[in-house]
Every structure is written in structure tokens, then in C-alpha cells.
Amino acid sequence: MVPRRLRLTLAPGGANARLMAQEEDVAQLSFEAALKRLEEIVHKLESGEASLDDAIALYGEGDKLKQQCEARLAAAQAKIEKIQFGRDGSPAGTAPFGGE
């Protein structure tokens, strides 16, 4: 019996293309969807049900999701204004969140 040779072909862009697509997917997620996916990843990693290679990939995805969630929270915080009250107790204007 003559052994067959296998031909290995790589998709255009390879791992870099998958990584870029994953980053675009993460950027499109709502805060809630990104947080839910991040919680799923944490559960998988903590349970030990992922292989080493899968755990490494999940960790990378989780890091990107964490960054996305932090960016969304920072953007939301920048939009929040704190209502300032005058001496008589009536609203007197607004100030940026965290500003005194």
C-alpha cells in the first residue's frame, strides 16, 4: 500500500485574519453581550474544561472583551453629568461626573 501525501492549505490571512475578525466582532458587541461572553469564558477557564490551547485562545478573547467593556464604561462615565444644586436647593447646573 502506497502512503498518500496530505496537502495542507492555509486560509488567506491565516491566524492574523481570524484575530482581526475576532477583534471586529468584539467591537460590535453591546456592553451586555460582551460581559456575558466574558463571564462564559471565565466559567470555562475556572472549570478546567478547556484544553491548554483552547484556554490560551479563550484568555486572549477574554482580554479583548475586558478591554471593550472597560472602554464602554469609560465612555458612558464621560457622558454622565452630576446635577449641581444651588443654596436654595434648586438645580443650578451640571458638572462632569466625578468633578467637584
PDB file of N, CA and C in Angstrom:
ATOM      1  N   MET A   1       0.845  -1.170   0.000  1.00  0.00           N
ATOM      2  CA  MET A   1       0.000   0.000   0.000  1.00  0.00           C
ATOM      3  C   MET A   1       0.894   1.237   0.000  1.00  0.00           C
ATOM      4  N   VAL A   2       0.618   2.168  -0.877  1.00  0.00           N
ATOM      5  CA  VAL A   2       1.414   3.389  -1.005  1.00  0.00           C
ATOM      6  C   VAL A   2       0.798   4.469  -0.128  1.00  0.00           C
ATOM      7  N   PRO A   3       1.585   5.076   0.751  1.00  0.00           N
ATOM      8  CA  PRO A   3       1.024   6.120   1.613  1.00  0.00           C
ATOM      9  C   PRO A   3       0.631   7.346   0.790  1.00  0.00           C
ATOM     10  N   ARG A   4      -0.468   7.927   1.154  1.00  0.00           N
ATOM     11  CA  ARG A   4      -0.912   9.150   0.498  1.00  0.00           C
ATOM     12  C   ARG A   4      -0.250  10.344   1.148  1.00  0.00           C
ATOM     13  N   ARG A   5       0.008  11.316   0.352  1.00  0.00           N
ATOM     14  CA  ARG A   5       0.536  12.574   0.889  1.00  0.00           C
ATOM     15  C   ARG A   5      -0.619  13.525   1.122  1.00  0.00           C
ATOM     16  N   LEU A   6      -0.558  14.168   2.221  1.00  0.00           N
ATOM     17  CA  LEU A   6      -1.589  15.147   2.534  1.00  0.00           C
ATOM     18  C   LEU A   6      -1.106  16.530   2.141  1.00  0.00           C
ATOM     19  N   ARG A   7      -2.000  17.295   1.610  1.00  0.00           N
ATOM     20  CA  ARG A   7      -1.668  18.676   1.260  1.00  0.00           C
ATOM     21  C   ARG A   7      -2.329  19.592   2.277  1.00  0.00           C
ATOM     22  N   LEU A   8      -1.536  20.418   2.870  1.00  0.00           N
ATOM     23  CA  LEU A   8      -2.024  21.369   3.862  1.00  0.00           C
ATOM     24  C   LEU A   8      -2.155  22.719   3.187  1.00  0.00           C
ATOM     25  N   THR A   9      -3.348  23.270   3.237  1.00  0.00           N
ATOM     26  CA  THR A   9      -3.549  24.604   2.686  1.00  0.00           C
ATOM     27  C   THR A   9      -4.019  25.520   3.798  1.00  0.00           C
ATOM     28  N   LEU A  10      -3.571  26.719   3.752  1.00  0.00           N
ATOM     29  CA  LEU A  10      -3.947  27.704   4.760  1.00  0.00           C
ATOM     30  C   LEU A  10      -4.932  28.688   4.157  1.00  0.00           C
ATOM     31  N   ALA A  11      -5.877  29.082   4.960  1.00  0.00           N
ATOM     32  CA  ALA A  11      -6.828  30.087   4.509  1.00  0.00           C
ATOM     33  C   ALA A  11      -6.105  31.416   4.353  1.00  0.00           C
ATOM     34  N   PRO A  12      -6.566  32.256   3.439  1.00  0.00           N
ATOM     35  CA  PRO A  12      -5.920  33.562   3.271  1.00  0.00           C
ATOM     36  C   PRO A  12      -5.873  34.319   4.588  1.00  0.00           C
ATOM     37  N   GLY A  13      -4.715  34.817   4.923  1.00  0.00           N
ATOM     38  CA  GLY A  13      -4.561  35.587   6.148  1.00  0.00           C
ATOM     39  C   GLY A  13      -4.264  34.752   7.373  1.00  0.00           C
ATOM     40  N   GLY A  14      -4.640  33.497   7.373  1.00  0.00           N
ATOM     41  CA  GLY A  14      -4.354  32.595   8.485  1.00  0.00           C
ATOM     42  C   GLY A  14      -4.830  33.114   9.822  1.00  0.00           C
ATOM     43  N   ALA A  15      -4.005  32.912  10.846  1.00  0.00           N
ATOM     44  CA  ALA A  15      -4.362  33.279  12.217  1.00  0.00           C
ATOM     45  C   ALA A  15      -4.566  34.779  12.366  1.00  0.00           C
ATOM     46  N   ASN A  16      -3.790  35.569  11.645  1.00  0.00           N
ATOM     47  CA  ASN A  16      -3.950  37.018  11.748  1.00  0.00           C
ATOM     48  C   ASN A  16      -5.325  37.464  11.268  1.00  0.00           C
ATOM     49  N   ALA A  17      -5.824  36.865  10.211  1.00  0.00           N
ATOM     50  CA  ALA A  17      -7.150  37.214   9.706  1.00  0.00           C
ATOM     51  C   ALA A  17      -8.222  36.840  10.725  1.00  0.00           C
ATOM     52  N   ARG A  18      -8.067  35.667  11.368  1.00  0.00           N
ATOM     53  CA  ARG A  18      -9.040  35.264  12.391  1.00  0.00           C
ATOM     54  C   ARG A  18      -9.003  36.218  13.566  1.00  0.00           C
ATOM     55  N   LEU A  19      -7.808  36.629  13.959  1.00  0.00           N
ATOM     56  CA  LEU A  19      -7.669  37.547  15.080  1.00  0.00           C
ATOM     57  C   LEU A  19      -8.308  38.897  14.769  1.00  0.00           C
ATOM     58  N   MET A  20      -8.077  39.404  13.568  1.00  0.00           N
ATOM     59  CA  MET A  20      -8.667  40.687  13.183  1.00  0.00           C
ATOM     60  C   MET A  20     -10.191  40.581  13.128  1.00  0.00           C
ATOM     61  N   ALA A  21     -10.709  39.472  12.613  1.00  0.00           N
ATOM     62  CA  ALA A  21     -12.155  39.268  12.563  1.00  0.00           C
ATOM     63  C   ALA A  21     -12.723  39.198  13.971  1.00  0.00           C
ATOM     64  N   GLN A  22     -12.003  38.531  14.875  1.00  0.00           N
ATOM     65  CA  GLN A  22     -12.451  38.424  16.261  1.00  0.00           C
ATOM     66  C   GLN A  22     -12.493  39.799  16.919  1.00  0.00           C
ATOM     67  N   GLU A  23     -11.487  40.635  16.673  1.00  0.00           N
ATOM     68  CA  GLU A  23     -11.462  41.980  17.239  1.00  0.00           C
ATOM     69  C   GLU A  23     -12.627  42.811  16.717  1.00  0.00           C
ATOM     70  N   GLU A  24     -12.942  42.670  15.413  1.00  0.00           N
ATOM     71  CA  GLU A  24     -14.078  43.384  14.852  1.00  0.00           C
ATOM     72  C   GLU A  24     -15.374  42.898  15.485  1.00  0.00           C
ATOM     73  N   ASP A  25     -15.500  41.582  15.688  1.00  0.00           N
ATOM     74  CA  ASP A  25     -16.694  41.029  16.322  1.00  0.00           C
ATOM     75  C   ASP A  25     -16.862  41.580  17.732  1.00  0.00           C
ATOM     76  N   VAL A  26     -15.788  41.639  18.493  1.00  0.00           N
ATOM     77  CA  VAL A  26     -15.828  42.150  19.865  1.00  0.00           C
ATOM     78  C   VAL A  26     -16.260  43.609  19.860  1.00  0.00           C
ATOM     79  N   ALA A  27     -15.757  44.401  18.920  1.00  0.00           N
ATOM     80  CA  ALA A  27     -16.099  45.817  18.848  1.00  0.00           C
ATOM     81  C   ALA A  27     -17.576  46.032  18.543  1.00  0.00           C
ATOM     82  N   GLN A  28     -18.211  45.065  17.899  1.00  0.00           N
ATOM     83  CA  GLN A  28     -19.622  45.190  17.537  1.00  0.00           C
ATOM     84  C   GLN A  28     -20.567  44.773  18.661  1.00  0.00           C
ATOM     85  N   LEU A  29     -20.049  44.100  19.673  1.00  0.00           N
ATOM     86  CA  LEU A  29     -20.892  43.620  20.760  1.00  0.00           C
ATOM     87  C   LEU A  29     -21.352  44.762  21.657  1.00  0.00           C
ATOM     88  N   SER A  30     -22.570  44.643  22.151  1.00  0.00           N
ATOM     89  CA  SER A  30     -23.032  45.586  23.166  1.00  0.00           C
ATOM     90  C   SER A  30     -22.266  45.304  24.457  1.00  0.00           C
ATOM     91  N   PHE A  31     -22.323  46.227  25.391  1.00  0.00           N
ATOM     92  CA  PHE A  31     -21.654  46.019  26.680  1.00  0.00           C
ATOM     93  C   PHE A  31     -22.174  44.747  27.333  1.00  0.00           C
ATOM     94  N   GLU A  32     -23.495  44.574  27.325  1.00  0.00           N
ATOM     95  CA  GLU A  32     -24.109  43.426  27.980  1.00  0.00           C
ATOM     96  C   GLU A  32     -23.693  42.111  27.328  1.00  0.00           C
ATOM     97  N   ALA A  33     -23.651  42.085  25.995  1.00  0.00           N
ATOM     98  CA  ALA A  33     -23.257  40.863  25.286  1.00  0.00           C
ATOM     99  C   ALA A  33     -21.784  40.545  25.535  1.00  0.00           C
ATOM    100  N   ALA A  34     -20.935  41.568  25.547  1.00  0.00           N
ATOM    101  CA  ALA A  34     -19.509  41.360  25.805  1.00  0.00           C
ATOM    102  C   ALA A  34     -19.296  40.841  27.229  1.00  0.00           C
ATOM    103  N   LEU A  35     -20.018  41.406  28.178  1.00  0.00           N
ATOM    104  CA  LEU A  35     -19.889  40.964  29.572  1.00  0.00           C
ATOM    105  C   LEU A  35     -20.373  39.529  29.740  1.00  0.00           C
ATOM    106  N   LYS A  36     -21.461  39.170  29.064  1.00  0.00           N
ATOM    107  CA  LYS A  36     -21.979  37.796  29.147  1.00  0.00           C
ATOM    108  C   LYS A  36     -20.957  36.812  28.581  1.00  0.00           C
ATOM    109  N   ARG A  37     -20.381  37.139  27.428  1.00  0.00           N
ATOM    110  CA  ARG A  37     -19.373  36.261  26.825  1.00  0.00           C
ATOM    111  C   ARG A  37     -18.158  36.147  27.733  1.00  0.00           C
ATOM    112  N   LEU A  38     -17.756  37.258  28.340  1.00  0.00           N
ATOM    113  CA  LEU A  38     -16.612  37.245  29.257  1.00  0.00           C
ATOM    114  C   LEU A  38     -16.900  36.338  30.450  1.00  0.00           C
ATOM    115  N   GLU A  39     -18.117  36.380  30.973  1.00  0.00           N
ATOM    116  CA  GLU A  39     -18.494  35.501  32.087  1.00  0.00           C
ATOM    117  C   GLU A  39     -18.452  34.031  31.668  1.00  0.00           C
ATOM    118  N   GLU A  40     -18.881  33.734  30.437  1.00  0.00           N
ATOM    119  CA  GLU A  40     -18.820  32.361  29.934  1.00  0.00           C
ATOM    120  C   GLU A  40     -17.373  31.878  29.850  1.00  0.00           C
ATOM    121  N   ILE A  41     -16.494  32.744  29.389  1.00  0.00           N
ATOM    122  CA  ILE A  41     -15.079  32.394  29.266  1.00  0.00           C
ATOM    123  C   ILE A  41     -14.479  32.129  30.642  1.00  0.00           C
ATOM    124  N   VAL A  42     -14.783  33.000  31.596  1.00  0.00           N
ATOM    125  CA  VAL A  42     -14.260  32.825  32.955  1.00  0.00           C
ATOM    126  C   VAL A  42     -14.731  31.489  33.523  1.00  0.00           C
ATOM    127  N   HIS A  43     -16.004  31.158  33.313  1.00  0.00           N
ATOM    128  CA  HIS A  43     -16.528  29.882  33.812  1.00  0.00           C
ATOM    129  C   HIS A  43     -15.771  28.707  33.199  1.00  0.00           C
ATOM    130  N   LYS A  44     -15.564  28.753  31.876  1.00  0.00           N
ATOM    131  CA  LYS A  44     -14.845  27.660  31.208  1.00  0.00           C
ATOM    132  C   LYS A  44     -13.425  27.529  31.737  1.00  0.00           C
ATOM    133  N   LEU A  45     -12.751  28.654  31.914  1.00  0.00           N
ATOM    134  CA  LEU A  45     -11.367  28.607  32.397  1.00  0.00           C
ATOM    135  C   LEU A  45     -11.302  28.110  33.831  1.00  0.00           C
ATOM    136  N   GLU A  46     -12.223  28.569  34.674  1.00  0.00           N
ATOM    137  CA  GLU A  46     -12.213  28.157  36.074  1.00  0.00           C
ATOM    138  C   GLU A  46     -12.596  26.684  36.246  1.00  0.00           C
ATOM    139  N   SER A  47     -13.444  26.179  35.351  1.00  0.00           N
ATOM    140  CA  SER A  47     -13.884  24.790  35.482  1.00  0.00           C
ATOM    141  C   SER A  47     -12.832  23.799  35.010  1.00  0.00           C
ATOM    142  N   GLY A  48     -11.865  24.270  34.224  1.00  0.00           N
ATOM    143  CA  GLY A  48     -10.822  23.396  33.722  1.00  0.00           C
ATOM    144  C   GLY A  48     -11.263  22.537  32.549  1.00  0.00           C
ATOM    145  N   GLU A  49     -12.401  22.853  31.953  1.00  0.00           N
ATOM    146  CA  GLU A  49     -12.915  22.028  30.849  1.00  0.00           C
ATOM    147  C   GLU A  49     -12.277  22.347  29.506  1.00  0.00           C
ATOM    148  N   ALA A  50     -11.431  23.377  29.424  1.00  0.00           N
ATOM    149  CA  ALA A  50     -10.783  23.735  28.156  1.00  0.00           C
ATOM    150  C   ALA A  50      -9.376  23.131  28.104  1.00  0.00           C
ATOM    151  N   SER A  51      -8.992  22.686  26.921  1.00  0.00           N
ATOM    152  CA  SER A  51      -7.624  22.206  26.728  1.00  0.00           C
ATOM    153  C   SER A  51      -6.672  23.396  26.853  1.00  0.00           C
ATOM    154  N   LEU A  52      -5.388  23.127  26.925  1.00  0.00           N
ATOM    155  CA  LEU A  52      -4.414  24.205  27.065  1.00  0.00           C
ATOM    156  C   LEU A  52      -4.508  25.193  25.905  1.00  0.00           C
ATOM    157  N   ASP A  53      -4.556  24.676  24.676  1.00  0.00           N
ATOM    158  CA  ASP A  53      -4.645  25.567  23.514  1.00  0.00           C
ATOM    159  C   ASP A  53      -5.931  26.378  23.534  1.00  0.00           C
ATOM    160  N   ASP A  54      -7.034  25.728  23.886  1.00  0.00           N
ATOM    161  CA  ASP A  54      -8.306  26.439  23.967  1.00  0.00           C
ATOM    162  C   ASP A  54      -8.271  27.480  25.087  1.00  0.00           C
ATOM    163  N   ALA A  55      -7.660  27.127  26.200  1.00  0.00           N
ATOM    164  CA  ALA A  55      -7.568  28.060  27.323  1.00  0.00           C
ATOM    165  C   ALA A  55      -6.767  29.304  26.938  1.00  0.00           C
ATOM    166  N   ILE A  56      -5.700  29.118  26.190  1.00  0.00           N
ATOM    167  CA  ILE A  56      -4.896  30.260  25.741  1.00  0.00           C
ATOM    168  C   ILE A  56      -5.716  31.151  24.810  1.00  0.00           C
ATOM    169  N   ALA A  57      -6.439  30.529  23.872  1.00  0.00           N
ATOM    170  CA  ALA A  57      -7.283  31.302  22.952  1.00  0.00           C
ATOM    171  C   ALA A  57      -8.408  32.012  23.707  1.00  0.00           C
ATOM    172  N   LEU A  58      -9.015  31.314  24.659  1.00  0.00           N
ATOM    173  CA  LEU A  58     -10.080  31.922  25.454  1.00  0.00           C
ATOM    174  C   LEU A  58      -9.557  33.090  26.276  1.00  0.00           C
ATOM    175  N   TYR A  59      -8.364  32.945  26.833  1.00  0.00           N
ATOM    176  CA  TYR A  59      -7.767  34.024  27.613  1.00  0.00           C
ATOM    177  C   TYR A  59      -7.584  35.265  26.736  1.00  0.00           C
ATOM    178  N   GLY A  60      -7.087  35.065  25.520  1.00  0.00           N
ATOM    179  CA  GLY A  60      -6.904  36.186  24.603  1.00  0.00           C
ATOM    180  C   GLY A  60      -8.219  36.858  24.257  1.00  0.00           C
ATOM    181  N   GLU A  61      -9.247  36.045  23.994  1.00  0.00           N
ATOM    182  CA  GLU A  61     -10.572  36.603  23.698  1.00  0.00           C
ATOM    183  C   GLU A  61     -11.107  37.351  24.915  1.00  0.00           C
ATOM    184  N   GLY A  62     -10.928  36.768  26.086  1.00  0.00           N
ATOM    185  CA  GLY A  62     -11.393  37.408  27.316  1.00  0.00           C
ATOM    186  C   GLY A  62     -10.714  38.740  27.558  1.00  0.00           C
ATOM    187  N   ASP A  63      -9.428  38.814  27.253  1.00  0.00           N
ATOM    188  CA  ASP A  63      -8.695  40.072  27.429  1.00  0.00           C
ATOM    189  C   ASP A  63      -9.277  41.154  26.519  1.00  0.00           C
ATOM    190  N   LYS A  64      -9.580  40.806  25.286  1.00  0.00           N
ATOM    191  CA  LYS A  64     -10.166  41.769  24.346  1.00  0.00           C
ATOM    192  C   LYS A  64     -11.557  42.198  24.805  1.00  0.00           C
ATOM    193  N   LEU A  65     -12.331  41.243  25.320  1.00  0.00           N
ATOM    194  CA  LEU A  65     -13.661  41.574  25.836  1.00  0.00           C
ATOM    195  C   LEU A  65     -13.565  42.494  27.046  1.00  0.00           C
ATOM    196  N   LYS A  66     -12.607  42.232  27.919  1.00  0.00           N
ATOM    197  CA  LYS A  66     -12.405  43.076  29.104  1.00  0.00           C
ATOM    198  C   LYS A  66     -12.064  44.502  28.687  1.00  0.00           C
ATOM    199  N   GLN A  67     -11.172  44.641  27.718  1.00  0.00           N
ATOM    200  CA  GLN A  67     -10.805  45.961  27.223  1.00  0.00           C
ATOM    201  C   GLN A  67     -12.018  46.671  26.618  1.00  0.00           C
ATOM    202  N   GLN A  68     -12.838  45.932  25.878  1.00  0.00           N
ATOM    203  CA  GLN A  68     -14.032  46.508  25.266  1.00  0.00           C
ATOM    204  C   GLN A  68     -15.003  46.988  26.342  1.00  0.00           C
ATOM    205  N   CYS A  69     -15.222  46.173  27.362  1.00  0.00           N
ATOM    206  CA  CYS A  69     -16.128  46.553  28.454  1.00  0.00           C
ATOM    207  C   CYS A  69     -15.610  47.784  29.187  1.00  0.00           C
ATOM    208  N   GLU A  70     -14.320  47.822  29.474  1.00  0.00           N
ATOM    209  CA  GLU A  70     -13.740  48.979  30.150  1.00  0.00           C
ATOM    210  C   GLU A  70     -13.889  50.239  29.309  1.00  0.00           C
ATOM    211  N   ALA A  71     -13.684  50.136  28.000  1.00  0.00           N
ATOM    212  CA  ALA A  71     -13.822  51.301  27.113  1.00  0.00           C
ATOM    213  C   ALA A  71     -15.267  51.786  27.080  1.00  0.00           C
ATOM    214  N   ARG A  72     -16.208  50.845  27.021  1.00  0.00           N
ATOM    215  CA  ARG A  72     -17.624  51.236  27.012  1.00  0.00           C
ATOM    216  C   ARG A  72     -18.015  51.906  28.324  1.00  0.00           C
ATOM    217  N   LEU A  73     -17.520  51.389  29.447  1.00  0.00           N
ATOM    218  CA  LEU A  73     -17.821  52.005  30.744  1.00  0.00           C
ATOM    219  C   LEU A  73     -17.220  53.409  30.845  1.00  0.00           C
ATOM    220  N   ALA A  74     -15.995  53.572  30.376  1.00  0.00           N
ATOM    221  CA  ALA A  74     -15.347  54.890  30.413  1.00  0.00           C
ATOM    222  C   ALA A  74     -16.116  55.889  29.552  1.00  0.00           C
ATOM    223  N   ALA A  75     -16.582  55.440  28.391  1.00  0.00           N
ATOM    224  CA  ALA A  75     -17.352  56.327  27.512  1.00  0.00           C
ATOM    225  C   ALA A  75     -18.675  56.715  28.172  1.00  0.00           C
ATOM    226  N   ALA A  76     -19.319  55.755  28.813  1.00  0.00           N
ATOM    227  CA  ALA A  76     -20.583  56.043  29.495  1.00  0.00           C
ATOM    228  C   ALA A  76     -20.360  56.998  30.657  1.00  0.00           C
ATOM    229  N   GLN A  77     -19.292  56.781  31.398  1.00  0.00           N
ATOM    230  CA  GLN A  77     -18.991  57.637  32.545  1.00  0.00           C
ATOM    231  C   GLN A  77     -18.725  59.065  32.092  1.00  0.00           C
ATOM    232  N   ALA A  78     -18.079  59.232  30.954  1.00  0.00           N
ATOM    233  CA  ALA A  78     -17.783  60.568  30.440  1.00  0.00           C
ATOM    234  C   ALA A  78     -19.053  61.313  30.050  1.00  0.00           C
ATOM    235  N   LYS A  79     -20.116  60.581  29.737  1.00  0.00           N
ATOM    236  CA  LYS A  79     -21.373  61.214  29.335  1.00  0.00           C
ATOM    237  C   LYS A  79     -22.257  61.593  30.515  1.00  0.00           C
ATOM    238  N   ILE A  80     -22.008  60.995  31.646  1.00  0.00           N
ATOM    239  CA  ILE A  80     -22.852  61.243  32.816  1.00  0.00           C
ATOM    240  C   ILE A  80     -22.508  62.607  33.411  1.00  0.00           C
ATOM    241  N   GLU A  81     -23.535  63.331  33.723  1.00  0.00           N
ATOM    242  CA  GLU A  81     -23.318  64.618  34.372  1.00  0.00           C
ATOM    243  C   GLU A  81     -23.948  64.595  35.759  1.00  0.00           C
ATOM    244  N   LYS A  82     -23.330  65.289  36.641  1.00  0.00           N
ATOM    245  CA  LYS A  82     -23.806  65.385  38.008  1.00  0.00           C
ATOM    246  C   LYS A  82     -24.585  66.698  38.149  1.00  0.00           C
ATOM    247  N   ILE A  83     -25.796  66.611  38.668  1.00  0.00           N
ATOM    248  CA  ILE A  83     -26.607  67.814  38.845  1.00  0.00           C
ATOM    249  C   ILE A  83     -26.095  68.597  40.043  1.00  0.00           C
ATOM    250  N   GLN A  84     -25.862  69.864  39.842  1.00  0.00           N
ATOM    251  CA  GLN A  84     -25.425  70.766  40.910  1.00  0.00           C
ATOM    252  C   GLN A  84     -26.654  71.493  41.460  1.00  0.00           C
ATOM    253  N   PHE A  85     -26.718  71.643  42.761  1.00  0.00           N
ATOM    254  CA  PHE A  85     -27.833  72.351  43.387  1.00  0.00           C
ATOM    255  C   PHE A  85     -27.336  73.657  43.985  1.00  0.00           C
ATOM    256  N   GLY A  86     -28.174  74.676  43.883  1.00  0.00           N
ATOM    257  CA  GLY A  86     -27.852  75.975  44.462  1.00  0.00           C
ATOM    258  C   GLY A  86     -28.134  75.981  45.957  1.00  0.00           C
ATOM    259  N   ARG A  87     -27.869  77.126  46.587  1.00  0.00           N
ATOM    260  CA  ARG A  87     -28.070  77.239  48.045  1.00  0.00           C
ATOM    261  C   ARG A  87     -29.521  77.054  48.450  1.00  0.00           C
ATOM    262  N   ASP A  88     -30.429  77.387  47.557  1.00  0.00           N
ATOM    263  CA  ASP A  88     -31.857  77.237  47.874  1.00  0.00           C
ATOM    264  C   ASP A  88     -32.373  75.830  47.572  1.00  0.00           C
ATOM    265  N   GLY A  89     -31.502  74.952  47.085  1.00  0.00           N
ATOM    266  CA  GLY A  89     -31.902  73.562  46.823  1.00  0.00           C
ATOM    267  C   GLY A  89     -32.404  73.320  45.413  1.00  0.00           C
ATOM    268  N   SER A  90     -32.496  74.367  44.612  1.00  0.00           N
ATOM    269  CA  SER A  90     -32.961  74.170  43.238  1.00  0.00           C
ATOM    270  C   SER A  90     -31.791  73.830  42.331  1.00  0.00           C
ATOM    271  N   PRO A  91     -32.067  73.093  41.246  1.00  0.00           N
ATOM    272  CA  PRO A  91     -30.976  72.751  40.329  1.00  0.00           C
ATOM    273  C   PRO A  91     -30.313  74.013  39.783  1.00  0.00           C
ATOM    274  N   ALA A  92     -28.980  74.012  39.797  1.00  0.00           N
ATOM    275  CA  ALA A  92     -28.237  75.204  39.364  1.00  0.00           C
ATOM    276  C   ALA A  92     -27.338  74.918  38.171  1.00  0.00           C
ATOM    277  N   GLY A  93     -27.346  73.713  37.657  1.00  0.00           N
ATOM    278  CA  GLY A  93     -26.484  73.373  36.529  1.00  0.00           C
ATOM    279  C   GLY A  93     -25.947  71.965  36.672  1.00  0.00           C
ATOM    280  N   THR A  94     -24.984  71.654  35.831  1.00  0.00           N
ATOM    281  CA  THR A  94     -24.382  70.326  35.849  1.00  0.00           C
ATOM    282  C   THR A  94     -22.858  70.438  35.869  1.00  0.00           C
ATOM    283  N   ALA A  95     -22.230  69.367  36.288  1.00  0.00           N
ATOM    284  CA  ALA A  95     -20.772  69.258  36.300  1.00  0.00           C
ATOM    285  C   ALA A  95     -20.431  67.865  35.798  1.00  0.00           C
ATOM    286  N   PRO A  96     -19.242  67.677  35.209  1.00  0.00           N
ATOM    287  CA  PRO A  96     -18.848  66.335  34.768  1.00  0.00           C
ATOM    288  C   PRO A  96     -18.849  65.360  35.926  1.00  0.00           C
ATOM    289  N   PHE A  97     -19.111  64.090  35.618  1.00  0.00           N
ATOM    290  CA  PHE A  97     -19.086  63.033  36.624  1.00  0.00           C
ATOM    291  C   PHE A  97     -17.736  63.012  37.308  1.00  0.00           C
ATOM    292  N   GLY A  98     -17.749  62.951  38.624  1.00  0.00           N
ATOM    293  CA  GLY A  98     -16.504  62.893  39.375  1.00  0.00           C
ATOM    294  C   GLY A  98     -15.907  64.263  39.654  1.00  0.00           C
ATOM    295  N   GLY A  99     -16.391  65.277  38.953  1.00  0.00           N
ATOM    296  CA  GLY A  99     -15.891  66.629  39.195  1.00  0.00           C
ATOM    297  C   GLY A  99     -16.563  67.239  40.401  1.00  0.00           C
ATOM    298  N   GLU A 100     -15.825  67.967  41.176  1.00  0.00           N
ATOM    299  CA  GLU A 100     -16.385  68.602  42.392  1.00  0.00           C
ATOM    300  C   GLU A 100     -16.441  70.088  42.226  1.00  0.00           C
TER     301      GLU A 100
END
